[in-house]
N, C-alpha and C. Protein backbone atom coordinates (compact mmCIF):
# COMPACT_ATOMS: atom_id res chain seq x y z
N MET A 1 121.10 -164.26 44.74
CA MET A 1 119.88 -165.03 44.65
C MET A 1 120.10 -166.45 45.18
N LEU A 2 121.29 -166.96 44.96
CA LEU A 2 121.58 -168.30 45.44
C LEU A 2 121.47 -168.39 46.95
N LEU A 3 121.77 -167.30 47.63
CA LEU A 3 121.69 -167.32 49.08
C LEU A 3 120.27 -167.53 49.57
N MET A 4 119.32 -166.92 48.87
CA MET A 4 117.93 -167.10 49.26
C MET A 4 117.55 -168.57 49.10
N ALA A 5 118.00 -169.18 48.03
CA ALA A 5 117.70 -170.58 47.81
C ALA A 5 118.41 -171.44 48.86
N ALA A 6 119.67 -171.11 49.18
CA ALA A 6 120.41 -171.86 50.18
C ALA A 6 119.77 -171.73 51.55
N ALA A 7 119.36 -170.51 51.88
CA ALA A 7 118.70 -170.30 53.17
C ALA A 7 117.39 -171.07 53.21
N GLY A 8 116.67 -171.08 52.12
CA GLY A 8 115.41 -171.82 52.05
C GLY A 8 115.63 -173.31 52.19
N MET A 9 116.70 -173.82 51.57
CA MET A 9 116.98 -175.24 51.66
C MET A 9 117.35 -175.62 53.09
N SER A 10 118.14 -174.78 53.76
CA SER A 10 118.52 -175.12 55.12
C SER A 10 117.31 -175.08 56.04
N ALA A 11 116.37 -174.17 55.78
CA ALA A 11 115.16 -174.11 56.58
C ALA A 11 114.31 -175.34 56.33
N GLN A 12 114.30 -175.85 55.10
CA GLN A 12 113.53 -177.04 54.79
C GLN A 12 114.13 -178.26 55.46
N ARG A 13 115.45 -178.33 55.56
CA ARG A 13 116.09 -179.48 56.18
C ARG A 13 115.77 -179.56 57.66
N ALA A 14 115.58 -178.39 58.29
CA ALA A 14 115.34 -178.37 59.71
C ALA A 14 113.97 -178.94 60.06
N GLY A 15 113.01 -178.82 59.22
CA GLY A 15 111.66 -179.29 59.53
C GLY A 15 111.28 -180.45 58.64
N PRO A 16 110.06 -180.97 58.83
CA PRO A 16 109.61 -182.07 57.97
C PRO A 16 109.46 -181.60 56.54
N LYS A 17 109.76 -182.51 55.62
CA LYS A 17 109.69 -182.16 54.20
C LYS A 17 108.26 -182.34 53.71
N PRO A 18 107.76 -181.34 52.96
CA PRO A 18 106.44 -181.50 52.36
C PRO A 18 106.52 -182.51 51.21
N ALA A 19 105.39 -183.00 50.81
CA ALA A 19 105.34 -183.98 49.73
C ALA A 19 105.97 -183.40 48.47
N LYS A 20 105.63 -182.19 48.15
CA LYS A 20 106.21 -181.53 46.98
C LYS A 20 106.44 -180.07 47.35
N ALA A 21 107.69 -179.64 47.25
CA ALA A 21 108.03 -178.27 47.61
C ALA A 21 107.49 -177.32 46.55
N PRO A 22 106.96 -176.16 46.98
CA PRO A 22 106.48 -175.18 45.99
C PRO A 22 107.67 -174.60 45.25
N PRO A 23 107.45 -174.13 44.03
CA PRO A 23 108.56 -173.53 43.28
C PRO A 23 109.02 -172.26 43.97
N PRO A 24 110.31 -171.92 43.82
CA PRO A 24 110.81 -170.69 44.45
C PRO A 24 110.18 -169.47 43.78
N PRO A 25 110.16 -168.32 44.49
CA PRO A 25 109.64 -167.10 43.86
C PRO A 25 110.42 -166.79 42.59
N ARG A 26 109.82 -166.00 41.71
CA ARG A 26 110.45 -165.69 40.43
C ARG A 26 111.77 -164.95 40.57
N ASN A 27 111.94 -164.23 41.66
CA ASN A 27 113.16 -163.45 41.79
C ASN A 27 114.29 -164.23 42.44
N VAL A 28 114.12 -165.55 42.60
CA VAL A 28 115.16 -166.39 43.18
C VAL A 28 115.85 -167.17 42.06
N VAL A 29 117.16 -167.14 42.05
CA VAL A 29 117.92 -167.92 41.08
C VAL A 29 118.12 -169.30 41.67
N ARG A 30 117.80 -170.31 40.92
CA ARG A 30 117.98 -171.68 41.41
C ARG A 30 119.46 -171.99 41.53
N PRO A 31 119.85 -172.84 42.51
CA PRO A 31 121.27 -173.15 42.72
C PRO A 31 121.97 -173.65 41.49
N SER A 32 121.28 -174.30 40.58
CA SER A 32 121.93 -174.84 39.39
C SER A 32 122.19 -173.77 38.32
N ALA A 33 121.59 -172.61 38.50
CA ALA A 33 121.77 -171.55 37.49
C ALA A 33 123.17 -170.96 37.60
N ALA A 34 123.78 -170.75 36.46
CA ALA A 34 125.13 -170.17 36.46
C ALA A 34 125.04 -168.67 36.72
N ARG A 35 125.95 -168.16 37.47
CA ARG A 35 126.00 -166.73 37.78
C ARG A 35 127.28 -166.19 37.17
N PRO A 36 127.21 -165.06 36.49
CA PRO A 36 128.43 -164.53 35.89
C PRO A 36 129.43 -164.12 36.96
N PRO A 37 130.72 -164.24 36.68
CA PRO A 37 131.72 -163.79 37.64
C PRO A 37 131.53 -162.31 37.93
N ALA A 38 132.03 -161.87 39.08
CA ALA A 38 131.84 -160.49 39.52
C ALA A 38 132.25 -159.49 38.45
N GLY A 39 133.32 -159.76 37.74
CA GLY A 39 133.80 -158.83 36.72
C GLY A 39 132.85 -158.68 35.56
N ASN A 40 132.02 -159.70 35.29
CA ASN A 40 131.08 -159.64 34.18
C ASN A 40 129.65 -159.45 34.65
N ASN A 41 129.45 -159.23 35.93
CA ASN A 41 128.11 -159.13 36.48
C ASN A 41 127.51 -157.78 36.12
N PRO A 42 126.44 -157.76 35.31
CA PRO A 42 125.85 -156.49 34.92
C PRO A 42 125.22 -155.75 36.10
N ALA A 43 124.90 -156.45 37.19
CA ALA A 43 124.30 -155.81 38.35
C ALA A 43 125.34 -155.22 39.28
N ALA A 44 126.61 -155.55 39.07
CA ALA A 44 127.66 -155.03 39.92
C ALA A 44 127.82 -153.54 39.66
N PRO A 45 128.10 -152.78 40.72
CA PRO A 45 128.26 -151.34 40.52
C PRO A 45 129.41 -151.04 39.57
N LYS A 46 129.20 -150.10 38.68
CA LYS A 46 130.23 -149.70 37.72
C LYS A 46 131.02 -148.55 38.32
N ALA A 47 132.32 -148.60 38.16
CA ALA A 47 133.17 -147.53 38.68
C ALA A 47 132.80 -146.23 37.99
N GLY A 48 132.44 -145.23 38.78
CA GLY A 48 132.12 -143.93 38.23
C GLY A 48 130.79 -143.87 37.50
N GLY A 49 130.03 -144.93 37.50
CA GLY A 49 128.76 -144.95 36.79
C GLY A 49 127.64 -144.39 37.64
N ALA A 50 126.47 -144.36 37.06
CA ALA A 50 125.29 -143.88 37.78
C ALA A 50 124.97 -144.85 38.91
N PRO A 51 124.54 -144.33 40.04
CA PRO A 51 124.24 -145.22 41.15
C PRO A 51 123.05 -146.11 40.82
N ARG A 52 123.12 -147.32 41.30
CA ARG A 52 122.02 -148.26 41.13
C ARG A 52 121.22 -148.27 42.42
N LEU A 53 119.98 -148.65 42.32
CA LEU A 53 119.17 -148.78 43.52
C LEU A 53 119.48 -150.12 44.18
N GLY A 54 119.47 -150.13 45.49
CA GLY A 54 119.61 -151.39 46.20
C GLY A 54 118.38 -152.22 45.98
N ASN A 55 118.55 -153.48 45.74
CA ASN A 55 117.43 -154.37 45.55
C ASN A 55 117.21 -155.12 46.86
N PRO A 56 116.14 -154.80 47.61
CA PRO A 56 115.95 -155.42 48.91
C PRO A 56 115.72 -156.92 48.84
N GLY A 57 115.35 -157.44 47.69
CA GLY A 57 115.19 -158.88 47.55
C GLY A 57 116.52 -159.56 47.30
N ASN A 58 117.58 -158.79 47.20
CA ASN A 58 118.92 -159.30 46.93
C ASN A 58 119.42 -160.08 48.13
N PRO A 59 119.94 -161.29 47.94
CA PRO A 59 120.42 -162.09 49.06
C PRO A 59 121.57 -161.44 49.80
N VAL A 60 122.36 -160.60 49.13
CA VAL A 60 123.46 -159.92 49.82
C VAL A 60 122.87 -159.01 50.90
N GLU A 61 121.78 -158.36 50.56
CA GLU A 61 121.15 -157.48 51.54
C GLU A 61 120.55 -158.29 52.68
N ARG A 62 120.10 -159.49 52.41
CA ARG A 62 119.64 -160.36 53.50
C ARG A 62 120.81 -160.71 54.41
N LEU A 63 121.94 -161.04 53.80
CA LEU A 63 123.13 -161.38 54.59
C LEU A 63 123.58 -160.19 55.44
N MET A 64 123.45 -158.99 54.90
CA MET A 64 123.88 -157.81 55.64
C MET A 64 123.14 -157.68 56.98
N ALA A 65 121.90 -158.10 56.98
CA ALA A 65 121.09 -157.98 58.19
C ALA A 65 121.36 -159.12 59.18
N MET A 66 122.09 -160.15 58.77
CA MET A 66 122.36 -161.30 59.63
C MET A 66 123.56 -161.04 60.53
N PRO A 67 123.56 -161.69 61.69
CA PRO A 67 124.78 -161.64 62.52
C PRO A 67 125.90 -162.40 61.81
N PRO A 68 127.17 -162.05 62.09
CA PRO A 68 128.30 -162.67 61.39
C PRO A 68 128.31 -164.21 61.43
N GLU A 69 127.92 -164.80 62.55
CA GLU A 69 127.93 -166.28 62.65
C GLU A 69 126.96 -166.90 61.65
N LYS A 70 125.78 -166.31 61.54
CA LYS A 70 124.77 -166.82 60.62
C LYS A 70 125.23 -166.63 59.17
N ARG A 71 125.87 -165.49 58.89
CA ARG A 71 126.42 -165.25 57.55
C ARG A 71 127.36 -166.37 57.15
N GLU A 72 128.28 -166.69 58.06
CA GLU A 72 129.28 -167.73 57.76
C GLU A 72 128.61 -169.06 57.43
N GLN A 73 127.57 -169.41 58.19
CA GLN A 73 126.86 -170.67 57.93
C GLN A 73 126.30 -170.70 56.52
N VAL A 74 125.73 -169.58 56.09
CA VAL A 74 125.15 -169.51 54.75
C VAL A 74 126.26 -169.51 53.69
N LEU A 75 127.31 -168.72 53.93
CA LEU A 75 128.40 -168.61 52.95
C LEU A 75 129.12 -169.93 52.74
N GLU A 76 129.29 -170.71 53.79
CA GLU A 76 130.03 -171.97 53.67
C GLU A 76 129.39 -172.95 52.71
N ARG A 77 128.12 -172.79 52.45
CA ARG A 77 127.40 -173.71 51.55
C ARG A 77 127.55 -173.34 50.08
N LEU A 78 128.20 -172.22 49.81
CA LEU A 78 128.28 -171.71 48.43
C LEU A 78 129.63 -172.04 47.79
N PRO A 79 129.69 -172.00 46.45
CA PRO A 79 130.96 -172.20 45.74
C PRO A 79 131.98 -171.13 46.12
N GLN A 80 133.26 -171.46 46.04
CA GLN A 80 134.36 -170.57 46.46
C GLN A 80 134.28 -169.19 45.81
N GLN A 81 134.07 -169.14 44.49
CA GLN A 81 134.04 -167.85 43.79
C GLN A 81 132.91 -166.97 44.32
N GLN A 82 131.77 -167.58 44.53
CA GLN A 82 130.64 -166.81 45.03
C GLN A 82 130.89 -166.37 46.47
N GLN A 83 131.51 -167.23 47.27
CA GLN A 83 131.85 -166.86 48.64
C GLN A 83 132.75 -165.62 48.64
N ALA A 84 133.76 -165.63 47.79
CA ALA A 84 134.71 -164.51 47.73
C ALA A 84 133.99 -163.22 47.33
N ASN A 85 133.13 -163.30 46.33
CA ASN A 85 132.38 -162.13 45.87
C ASN A 85 131.49 -161.58 46.99
N LEU A 86 130.78 -162.46 47.65
CA LEU A 86 129.88 -162.03 48.72
C LEU A 86 130.64 -161.48 49.92
N ARG A 87 131.75 -162.11 50.25
CA ARG A 87 132.54 -161.62 51.39
C ARG A 87 133.06 -160.20 51.11
N GLU A 88 133.44 -159.94 49.86
CA GLU A 88 133.92 -158.61 49.49
C GLU A 88 132.80 -157.58 49.66
N ARG A 89 131.61 -157.91 49.20
CA ARG A 89 130.48 -157.00 49.31
C ARG A 89 130.08 -156.80 50.77
N LEU A 90 130.12 -157.87 51.55
CA LEU A 90 129.79 -157.77 52.97
C LEU A 90 130.84 -156.94 53.72
N ASP A 91 132.09 -157.07 53.31
CA ASP A 91 133.15 -156.28 53.93
C ASP A 91 132.90 -154.79 53.71
N ARG A 92 132.47 -154.43 52.49
CA ARG A 92 132.13 -153.02 52.21
C ARG A 92 130.99 -152.56 53.12
N TYR A 93 130.00 -153.44 53.29
CA TYR A 93 128.87 -153.11 54.16
C TYR A 93 129.34 -152.91 55.60
N ASP A 94 130.17 -153.81 56.07
CA ASP A 94 130.66 -153.74 57.46
C ASP A 94 131.46 -152.48 57.71
N LYS A 95 132.07 -151.91 56.66
CA LYS A 95 132.88 -150.69 56.81
C LYS A 95 132.04 -149.41 56.79
N LEU A 96 130.75 -149.54 56.48
CA LEU A 96 129.88 -148.37 56.47
C LEU A 96 129.70 -147.86 57.90
N PRO A 97 129.41 -146.57 58.04
CA PRO A 97 129.11 -146.05 59.37
C PRO A 97 127.88 -146.78 59.95
N ALA A 98 127.84 -146.88 61.26
CA ALA A 98 126.76 -147.61 61.94
C ALA A 98 125.38 -147.07 61.54
N ALA A 99 125.26 -145.76 61.39
CA ALA A 99 123.97 -145.17 61.03
C ALA A 99 123.52 -145.64 59.65
N GLU A 100 124.45 -145.73 58.71
CA GLU A 100 124.10 -146.17 57.35
C GLU A 100 123.73 -147.65 57.36
N ARG A 101 124.45 -148.46 58.11
CA ARG A 101 124.09 -149.89 58.23
C ARG A 101 122.70 -150.04 58.83
N ALA A 102 122.41 -149.24 59.87
CA ALA A 102 121.09 -149.30 60.51
C ALA A 102 120.00 -148.90 59.51
N ARG A 103 120.29 -147.88 58.70
CA ARG A 103 119.31 -147.43 57.70
C ARG A 103 119.06 -148.53 56.67
N LEU A 104 120.13 -149.18 56.21
CA LEU A 104 119.97 -150.27 55.25
C LEU A 104 119.18 -151.43 55.85
N ASN A 105 119.46 -151.74 57.11
CA ASN A 105 118.72 -152.81 57.78
C ASN A 105 117.25 -152.44 57.95
N GLN A 106 116.99 -151.16 58.24
CA GLN A 106 115.60 -150.71 58.36
C GLN A 106 114.89 -150.84 57.02
N MET A 107 115.59 -150.51 55.93
CA MET A 107 114.99 -150.66 54.61
C MET A 107 114.68 -152.13 54.33
N TRP A 108 115.60 -153.01 54.71
CA TRP A 108 115.38 -154.44 54.51
C TRP A 108 114.16 -154.90 55.30
N ASN A 109 114.05 -154.46 56.57
CA ASN A 109 112.91 -154.84 57.40
C ASN A 109 111.61 -154.29 56.82
N THR A 110 111.66 -153.09 56.28
CA THR A 110 110.47 -152.50 55.65
C THR A 110 110.06 -153.35 54.45
N PHE A 111 111.03 -153.71 53.64
CA PHE A 111 110.74 -154.55 52.47
C PHE A 111 110.17 -155.90 52.91
N ASN A 112 110.78 -156.49 53.92
CA ASN A 112 110.33 -157.79 54.41
C ASN A 112 108.90 -157.76 54.94
N SER A 113 108.47 -156.60 55.45
CA SER A 113 107.13 -156.49 56.01
C SER A 113 106.06 -156.28 54.93
N LEU A 114 106.49 -156.01 53.70
CA LEU A 114 105.53 -155.84 52.60
C LEU A 114 104.90 -157.18 52.25
N PRO A 115 103.65 -157.17 51.81
CA PRO A 115 103.05 -158.41 51.30
C PRO A 115 103.84 -158.89 50.08
N PRO A 116 103.83 -160.19 49.82
CA PRO A 116 104.61 -160.74 48.70
C PRO A 116 104.34 -160.07 47.36
N GLU A 117 103.10 -159.70 47.09
CA GLU A 117 102.80 -159.07 45.80
C GLU A 117 103.46 -157.69 45.69
N LYS A 118 103.53 -156.95 46.80
CA LYS A 118 104.22 -155.65 46.76
C LYS A 118 105.73 -155.84 46.68
N GLN A 119 106.25 -156.87 47.34
CA GLN A 119 107.68 -157.16 47.22
C GLN A 119 108.02 -157.44 45.77
N ALA A 120 107.17 -158.20 45.09
CA ALA A 120 107.41 -158.53 43.68
C ALA A 120 107.38 -157.26 42.82
N ILE A 121 106.44 -156.35 43.10
CA ILE A 121 106.35 -155.10 42.33
C ILE A 121 107.62 -154.28 42.53
N VAL A 122 108.02 -154.11 43.79
CA VAL A 122 109.21 -153.30 44.09
C VAL A 122 110.45 -153.92 43.45
N THR A 123 110.61 -155.23 43.59
CA THR A 123 111.77 -155.90 43.02
C THR A 123 111.80 -155.74 41.50
N ARG A 124 110.67 -155.96 40.86
CA ARG A 124 110.60 -155.84 39.39
C ARG A 124 110.92 -154.41 38.94
N GLN A 125 110.37 -153.43 39.62
CA GLN A 125 110.58 -152.05 39.21
C GLN A 125 112.01 -151.58 39.51
N MET A 126 112.61 -152.05 40.60
CA MET A 126 114.00 -151.68 40.88
C MET A 126 114.93 -152.32 39.85
N GLN A 127 114.62 -153.53 39.43
CA GLN A 127 115.42 -154.16 38.38
C GLN A 127 115.26 -153.38 37.08
N ALA A 128 114.06 -152.92 36.79
CA ALA A 128 113.83 -152.11 35.59
C ALA A 128 114.61 -150.80 35.69
N PHE A 129 114.58 -150.18 36.86
CA PHE A 129 115.33 -148.94 37.06
C PHE A 129 116.81 -149.18 36.80
N ASN A 130 117.36 -150.24 37.39
CA ASN A 130 118.78 -150.54 37.22
C ASN A 130 119.13 -150.93 35.80
N GLY A 131 118.13 -151.31 35.02
CA GLY A 131 118.35 -151.66 33.62
C GLY A 131 118.33 -150.46 32.69
N LEU A 132 117.97 -149.30 33.21
CA LEU A 132 117.96 -148.08 32.39
C LEU A 132 119.38 -147.69 32.02
N PRO A 133 119.55 -146.95 30.93
CA PRO A 133 120.87 -146.41 30.61
C PRO A 133 121.36 -145.52 31.75
N GLU A 134 122.67 -145.50 31.92
CA GLU A 134 123.29 -144.76 33.03
C GLU A 134 122.81 -143.32 33.12
N ALA A 135 122.77 -142.62 32.01
CA ALA A 135 122.38 -141.21 32.03
C ALA A 135 120.93 -141.05 32.52
N ARG A 136 120.08 -141.96 32.12
CA ARG A 136 118.67 -141.86 32.53
C ARG A 136 118.53 -142.17 34.02
N ARG A 137 119.30 -143.15 34.51
CA ARG A 137 119.28 -143.44 35.96
C ARG A 137 119.70 -142.20 36.74
N GLU A 138 120.73 -141.51 36.24
CA GLU A 138 121.19 -140.29 36.91
C GLU A 138 120.09 -139.24 36.97
N ASP A 139 119.29 -139.15 35.92
CA ASP A 139 118.19 -138.18 35.88
C ASP A 139 117.05 -138.58 36.82
N LEU A 140 116.75 -139.86 36.87
CA LEU A 140 115.57 -140.33 37.61
C LEU A 140 115.82 -140.56 39.10
N LYS A 141 117.04 -140.88 39.48
CA LYS A 141 117.28 -141.25 40.88
C LYS A 141 116.90 -140.13 41.86
N PRO A 142 117.28 -138.86 41.65
CA PRO A 142 116.88 -137.84 42.61
C PRO A 142 115.35 -137.65 42.68
N VAL A 143 114.69 -137.82 41.54
CA VAL A 143 113.23 -137.69 41.51
C VAL A 143 112.62 -138.82 42.34
N LEU A 144 113.12 -140.02 42.14
CA LEU A 144 112.60 -141.17 42.88
C LEU A 144 112.86 -141.02 44.38
N GLN A 145 114.05 -140.60 44.75
CA GLN A 145 114.36 -140.44 46.17
C GLN A 145 113.46 -139.38 46.80
N ARG A 146 113.22 -138.29 46.07
CA ARG A 146 112.33 -137.24 46.59
C ARG A 146 110.92 -137.78 46.76
N LEU A 147 110.43 -138.53 45.79
CA LEU A 147 109.09 -139.12 45.88
C LEU A 147 108.99 -140.09 47.07
N ARG A 148 110.03 -140.87 47.27
CA ARG A 148 110.00 -141.87 48.35
C ARG A 148 110.00 -141.22 49.73
N ARG A 149 110.46 -139.98 49.82
CA ARG A 149 110.50 -139.28 51.10
C ARG A 149 109.24 -138.44 51.36
N MET A 150 108.42 -138.24 50.33
CA MET A 150 107.24 -137.39 50.47
C MET A 150 106.13 -138.07 51.24
N PRO A 151 105.32 -137.26 51.93
CA PRO A 151 104.10 -137.82 52.52
C PRO A 151 103.20 -138.36 51.39
N GLU A 152 102.44 -139.36 51.70
CA GLU A 152 101.64 -140.05 50.68
C GLU A 152 100.74 -139.11 49.88
N ALA A 153 100.03 -138.22 50.55
CA ALA A 153 99.10 -137.33 49.85
C ALA A 153 99.84 -136.43 48.86
N ARG A 154 100.96 -135.86 49.28
CA ARG A 154 101.75 -134.98 48.41
C ARG A 154 102.32 -135.76 47.23
N ARG A 155 102.81 -136.98 47.51
CA ARG A 155 103.38 -137.83 46.45
C ARG A 155 102.32 -138.15 45.41
N ASP A 156 101.13 -138.55 45.87
CA ASP A 156 100.07 -138.90 44.92
C ASP A 156 99.65 -137.70 44.08
N GLU A 157 99.60 -136.53 44.72
CA GLU A 157 99.25 -135.30 44.01
C GLU A 157 100.28 -135.02 42.91
N LEU A 158 101.55 -135.14 43.23
CA LEU A 158 102.61 -134.88 42.25
C LEU A 158 102.58 -135.93 41.13
N LEU A 159 102.48 -137.21 41.50
CA LEU A 159 102.47 -138.27 40.49
C LEU A 159 101.32 -138.12 39.50
N ASN A 160 100.19 -137.62 39.98
CA ASN A 160 99.01 -137.50 39.12
C ASN A 160 98.92 -136.17 38.39
N SER A 161 99.86 -135.28 38.62
CA SER A 161 99.83 -134.00 37.91
C SER A 161 100.26 -134.22 36.45
N GLN A 162 99.65 -133.48 35.56
CA GLN A 162 99.96 -133.61 34.14
C GLN A 162 101.40 -133.18 33.86
N ALA A 163 101.87 -132.16 34.55
CA ALA A 163 103.24 -131.69 34.34
C ALA A 163 104.25 -132.79 34.67
N PHE A 164 104.00 -133.54 35.73
CA PHE A 164 104.90 -134.63 36.11
C PHE A 164 104.83 -135.75 35.07
N LYS A 165 103.63 -136.11 34.66
CA LYS A 165 103.46 -137.19 33.68
C LYS A 165 104.12 -136.84 32.34
N ASP A 166 104.12 -135.56 31.99
CA ASP A 166 104.71 -135.13 30.73
C ASP A 166 106.23 -135.23 30.74
N ARG A 167 106.84 -135.23 31.91
CA ARG A 167 108.31 -135.28 32.02
C ARG A 167 108.89 -136.67 31.77
N PHE A 168 108.04 -137.71 31.91
CA PHE A 168 108.55 -139.08 31.87
C PHE A 168 107.74 -139.94 30.90
N SER A 169 108.41 -141.00 30.42
CA SER A 169 107.69 -141.96 29.59
C SER A 169 106.70 -142.71 30.49
N GLU A 170 105.77 -143.39 29.89
CA GLU A 170 104.78 -144.14 30.67
C GLU A 170 105.45 -145.18 31.56
N SER A 171 106.45 -145.88 31.03
CA SER A 171 107.12 -146.92 31.83
C SER A 171 107.94 -146.28 32.97
N GLU A 172 108.55 -145.13 32.72
CA GLU A 172 109.29 -144.44 33.78
C GLU A 172 108.33 -143.95 34.86
N TRP A 173 107.20 -143.39 34.44
CA TRP A 173 106.21 -142.91 35.41
C TRP A 173 105.73 -144.07 36.28
N GLN A 174 105.45 -145.21 35.64
CA GLN A 174 104.98 -146.38 36.40
C GLN A 174 106.05 -146.84 37.38
N MET A 175 107.30 -146.87 36.94
CA MET A 175 108.41 -147.26 37.79
C MET A 175 108.50 -146.34 39.01
N LEU A 176 108.49 -145.03 38.77
CA LEU A 176 108.57 -144.05 39.84
C LEU A 176 107.38 -144.19 40.80
N ALA A 177 106.20 -144.37 40.24
CA ALA A 177 105.00 -144.47 41.07
C ALA A 177 105.02 -145.75 41.91
N GLU A 178 105.30 -146.87 41.30
CA GLU A 178 105.22 -148.14 42.03
C GLU A 178 106.29 -148.28 43.10
N ILE A 179 107.50 -147.82 42.82
CA ILE A 179 108.54 -147.91 43.84
C ILE A 179 108.21 -146.96 44.99
N SER A 180 107.90 -145.70 44.67
CA SER A 180 107.69 -144.71 45.73
C SER A 180 106.45 -145.00 46.56
N GLN A 181 105.40 -145.53 45.96
CA GLN A 181 104.17 -145.81 46.70
C GLN A 181 104.29 -147.07 47.56
N ASN A 182 105.05 -148.04 47.10
CA ASN A 182 105.13 -149.31 47.82
C ASN A 182 106.34 -149.44 48.73
N TYR A 183 107.33 -148.59 48.54
CA TYR A 183 108.58 -148.74 49.28
C TYR A 183 109.19 -147.39 49.63
N PRO A 184 108.55 -146.64 50.55
CA PRO A 184 109.09 -145.33 50.92
C PRO A 184 110.41 -145.47 51.67
N LEU A 185 111.22 -144.43 51.63
CA LEU A 185 112.51 -144.43 52.31
C LEU A 185 112.34 -144.14 53.79
N PRO A 186 113.14 -144.81 54.64
CA PRO A 186 113.13 -144.44 56.05
C PRO A 186 113.86 -143.12 56.24
N GLU A 187 113.61 -142.47 57.34
CA GLU A 187 114.29 -141.21 57.65
C GLU A 187 115.76 -141.46 57.82
N ARG A 188 116.58 -140.49 57.43
CA ARG A 188 118.04 -140.60 57.64
C ARG A 188 118.39 -140.13 59.00
């Protein structure tokens, strides 16, 4: 999140400063906010745990889409510990097959093209998904991925069926519906 704020600050420095800058979006962590070390980060992937959904509003995912020179410019402005954490995550991204990197970049571009209110919905619901207990994430992830790949008419039909609604709690149904309707998966 700090990267989004850092990128925003560098963009503000380049142009004239407004009289009063608008507050950052709710999903941005202000630079003064403390971030837990990587070992204590609840959002960090757990070894052998249920997979988490990628959060397209995540600054690491923004960095992934940047050319290496631009990444370095952003990283240099951050504290050493955060630089090390981000470089490790970016290194994992760089080691992915080209097709997977392209797919992740396409997902980022899709997210970026959403209106801000839909970006907020997707971000909030993905955070809620990642906050579920591991076993429940394991149960819901294949359902969500299938919904995100369905044509809109078929997805809406399934989401509105009573049998589907009976399988999930109201909050889970809303999570599945809002993510799949607002942020479909690109083709593999």
